Amino acid sequence: MLGRSVQLLSLGLAVILLGCSTPRSSSPVDTSTLRSQELLAKLKACLADVHTTSDKAFASPCVHLDVTSLNGITIAQLSGTLGRSDISSDDYVNGPTTSDTHTPYEWRWAFYRLDDVLEGGGPELQCESDDRLTCTQVRWVLTL
């Protein structure tokens, strides 16, 4: 009788634990994608902070984040999250613009704000692209 009670108790415990277990996904979770999405969300928030600061000089603390996991991201994804870049390589092209003007091969988002009396630069998130579709390298650059 005691043996049967122990068996029933064990079976009941197994059923309870099985019911409390976390269901598993049939497909594996890509943790690098999750990290990239979290990083993009942080960068978006930091960029918003830059734009909402007062007239005082400001550099975002996000410049200490490792952005190398964004290498290979499409430019559409990056600009879709961060908005239009502040600077692109085509900003330096002198000449007429036409309807078939190509997409720039470098984009930068300024993660700093200068006050009204300062001239200079600061930390910028840079995307370099060989094919004008994908960021082959995403990194921080410091402009002066």
Protein backbone atom coordinates (compact mmCIF):
# COMPACT_ATOMS: atom_id res chain seq x y z
CA MET A 1 0.00 0.00 0.00
CA LEU A 2 2.83 2.40 0.91
CA GLY A 3 4.67 1.51 -2.32
CA ARG A 4 1.60 2.29 -4.40
CA SER A 5 1.16 5.65 -2.61
CA VAL A 6 4.75 6.59 -3.39
CA GLN A 7 4.23 5.66 -7.05
CA LEU A 8 1.05 7.76 -7.28
CA LEU A 9 2.77 10.66 -5.53
CA SER A 10 5.72 10.43 -7.94
CA LEU A 11 3.40 10.29 -10.93
CA GLY A 12 1.41 13.29 -9.65
CA LEU A 13 4.60 15.28 -9.10
CA ALA A 14 5.81 14.42 -12.59
CA VAL A 15 2.52 15.60 -14.11
CA ILE A 16 2.69 18.88 -12.14
CA LEU A 17 6.29 19.52 -13.15
CA LEU A 18 5.54 18.71 -16.77
CA GLY A 19 2.64 21.15 -16.73
CA CYS A 20 4.88 23.89 -15.31
CA SER A 21 7.69 23.39 -17.78
CA THR A 22 8.31 26.04 -20.39
CA PRO A 23 7.12 25.00 -23.82
CA ARG A 24 9.96 24.64 -26.27
CA SER A 25 9.93 26.26 -29.64
CA SER A 26 10.15 23.98 -32.63
CA SER A 27 12.77 26.29 -34.17
CA PRO A 28 15.95 27.45 -32.46
CA VAL A 29 16.13 31.08 -31.35
CA ASP A 30 18.84 33.12 -33.06
CA THR A 31 20.41 34.91 -30.10
CA SER A 32 22.55 37.12 -32.34
CA THR A 33 19.36 38.52 -33.91
CA LEU A 34 17.91 39.17 -30.46
CA ARG A 35 21.10 40.93 -29.38
CA SER A 36 21.08 43.05 -32.54
CA GLN A 37 17.45 44.02 -31.98
CA GLU A 38 18.21 44.98 -28.35
CA LEU A 39 21.24 46.97 -29.48
CA LEU A 40 19.21 48.77 -32.15
CA ALA A 41 16.57 49.64 -29.56
CA LYS A 42 19.26 51.07 -27.25
CA LEU A 43 20.81 53.07 -30.07
CA LYS A 44 17.42 54.44 -31.08
CA ALA A 45 16.74 55.56 -27.50
CA CYS A 46 20.19 57.15 -27.19
CA LEU A 47 19.77 58.99 -30.47
CA ALA A 48 16.42 60.32 -29.26
CA ASP A 49 18.18 61.56 -26.10
CA VAL A 50 20.67 63.48 -28.25
CA HIS A 51 17.84 65.25 -30.06
CA THR A 52 15.93 66.09 -26.88
CA THR A 53 18.82 67.53 -24.86
CA SER A 54 19.03 71.22 -24.14
CA ASP A 55 21.36 73.61 -25.91
CA LYS A 56 24.29 72.37 -23.87
CA ALA A 57 26.95 70.11 -25.39
CA PHE A 58 26.11 66.44 -25.02
CA ALA A 59 27.68 63.13 -26.04
CA SER A 60 25.64 59.97 -25.73
CA PRO A 61 26.85 57.28 -23.33
CA CYS A 62 25.91 54.76 -26.04
CA VAL A 63 29.24 55.39 -27.73
CA HIS A 64 30.70 52.80 -25.35
CA LEU A 65 28.46 50.05 -26.76
CA ASP A 66 30.06 47.40 -28.95
CA VAL A 67 28.30 47.74 -32.30
CA THR A 68 30.26 45.11 -34.23
CA SER A 69 27.30 42.71 -34.02
CA LEU A 70 25.55 45.04 -36.47
CA ASN A 71 28.06 44.23 -39.24
CA GLY A 72 26.01 42.73 -42.04
CA ILE A 73 22.79 44.58 -41.19
CA THR A 74 21.00 46.07 -44.14
CA ILE A 75 21.06 49.81 -44.52
CA ALA A 76 17.26 49.75 -44.71
CA GLN A 77 17.10 48.07 -41.27
CA LEU A 78 19.56 50.51 -39.72
CA SER A 79 17.97 53.64 -41.17
CA GLY A 80 14.52 52.21 -40.48
CA THR A 81 15.40 52.10 -36.79
CA LEU A 82 17.59 55.20 -36.42
CA GLY A 83 15.98 57.40 -39.05
CA ARG A 84 17.70 59.21 -41.87
CA SER A 85 21.44 59.53 -41.39
CA ASP A 86 22.89 62.92 -40.49
CA ILE A 87 25.78 62.61 -42.94
CA SER A 88 26.37 60.47 -46.01
CA SER A 89 29.23 60.15 -48.46
CA ASP A 90 27.12 61.85 -51.10
CA ASP A 91 27.09 65.00 -48.97
CA TYR A 92 30.62 65.56 -50.26
CA VAL A 93 29.80 65.12 -53.94
CA ASN A 94 29.79 68.35 -55.93
CA GLY A 95 27.66 68.22 -59.01
CA PRO A 96 24.12 67.95 -60.21
CA THR A 97 21.81 65.40 -58.70
CA THR A 98 19.69 63.35 -61.02
CA SER A 99 16.86 60.91 -60.58
CA ASP A 100 19.32 58.03 -60.90
CA THR A 101 21.62 59.34 -58.16
CA HIS A 102 23.07 56.35 -56.40
CA THR A 103 22.70 55.51 -52.75
CA PRO A 104 25.71 56.65 -50.69
CA TYR A 105 28.29 54.14 -49.51
CA GLU A 106 28.75 55.66 -46.08
CA TRP A 107 26.15 56.78 -43.56
CA ARG A 108 26.70 58.42 -40.17
CA TRP A 109 24.42 59.23 -37.28
CA ALA A 110 25.65 61.91 -34.85
CA PHE A 111 25.46 60.78 -31.24
CA TYR A 112 26.45 64.20 -29.93
CA ARG A 113 25.16 67.72 -29.74
CA LEU A 114 27.26 70.87 -29.68
CA ASP A 115 26.13 73.98 -27.91
CA ASP A 116 25.63 77.18 -29.86
CA VAL A 117 29.16 78.51 -29.37
CA LEU A 118 31.11 75.34 -30.10
CA GLU A 119 32.23 74.15 -33.48
CA GLY A 120 33.56 70.68 -34.05
CA GLY A 121 32.31 67.15 -33.95
CA GLY A 122 31.87 64.16 -31.74
CA PRO A 123 31.06 60.46 -31.79
CA GLU A 124 29.21 59.18 -34.83
CA LEU A 125 27.88 55.75 -35.69
CA GLN A 126 29.22 54.86 -39.13
CA CYS A 127 27.95 52.29 -41.60
CA GLU A 128 30.23 51.48 -44.52
CA SER A 129 28.90 49.55 -47.49
CA ASP A 130 30.45 48.06 -50.59
CA ASP A 131 27.17 47.27 -52.31
CA ARG A 132 25.12 50.21 -50.98
CA LEU A 133 22.66 47.71 -49.47
CA THR A 134 24.43 46.11 -46.51
CA CYS A 135 26.69 47.58 -43.84
CA THR A 136 29.94 45.69 -44.17
CA GLN A 137 31.30 47.54 -41.15
CA VAL A 138 29.46 49.39 -38.39
CA ARG A 139 31.68 51.27 -35.96
CA TRP A 140 32.08 54.40 -33.89
CA VAL A 141 34.14 57.23 -35.35
CA LEU A 142 35.14 60.45 -33.66
CA THR A 143 34.92 63.60 -35.73
CA LEU A 144 36.61 66.83 -34.78
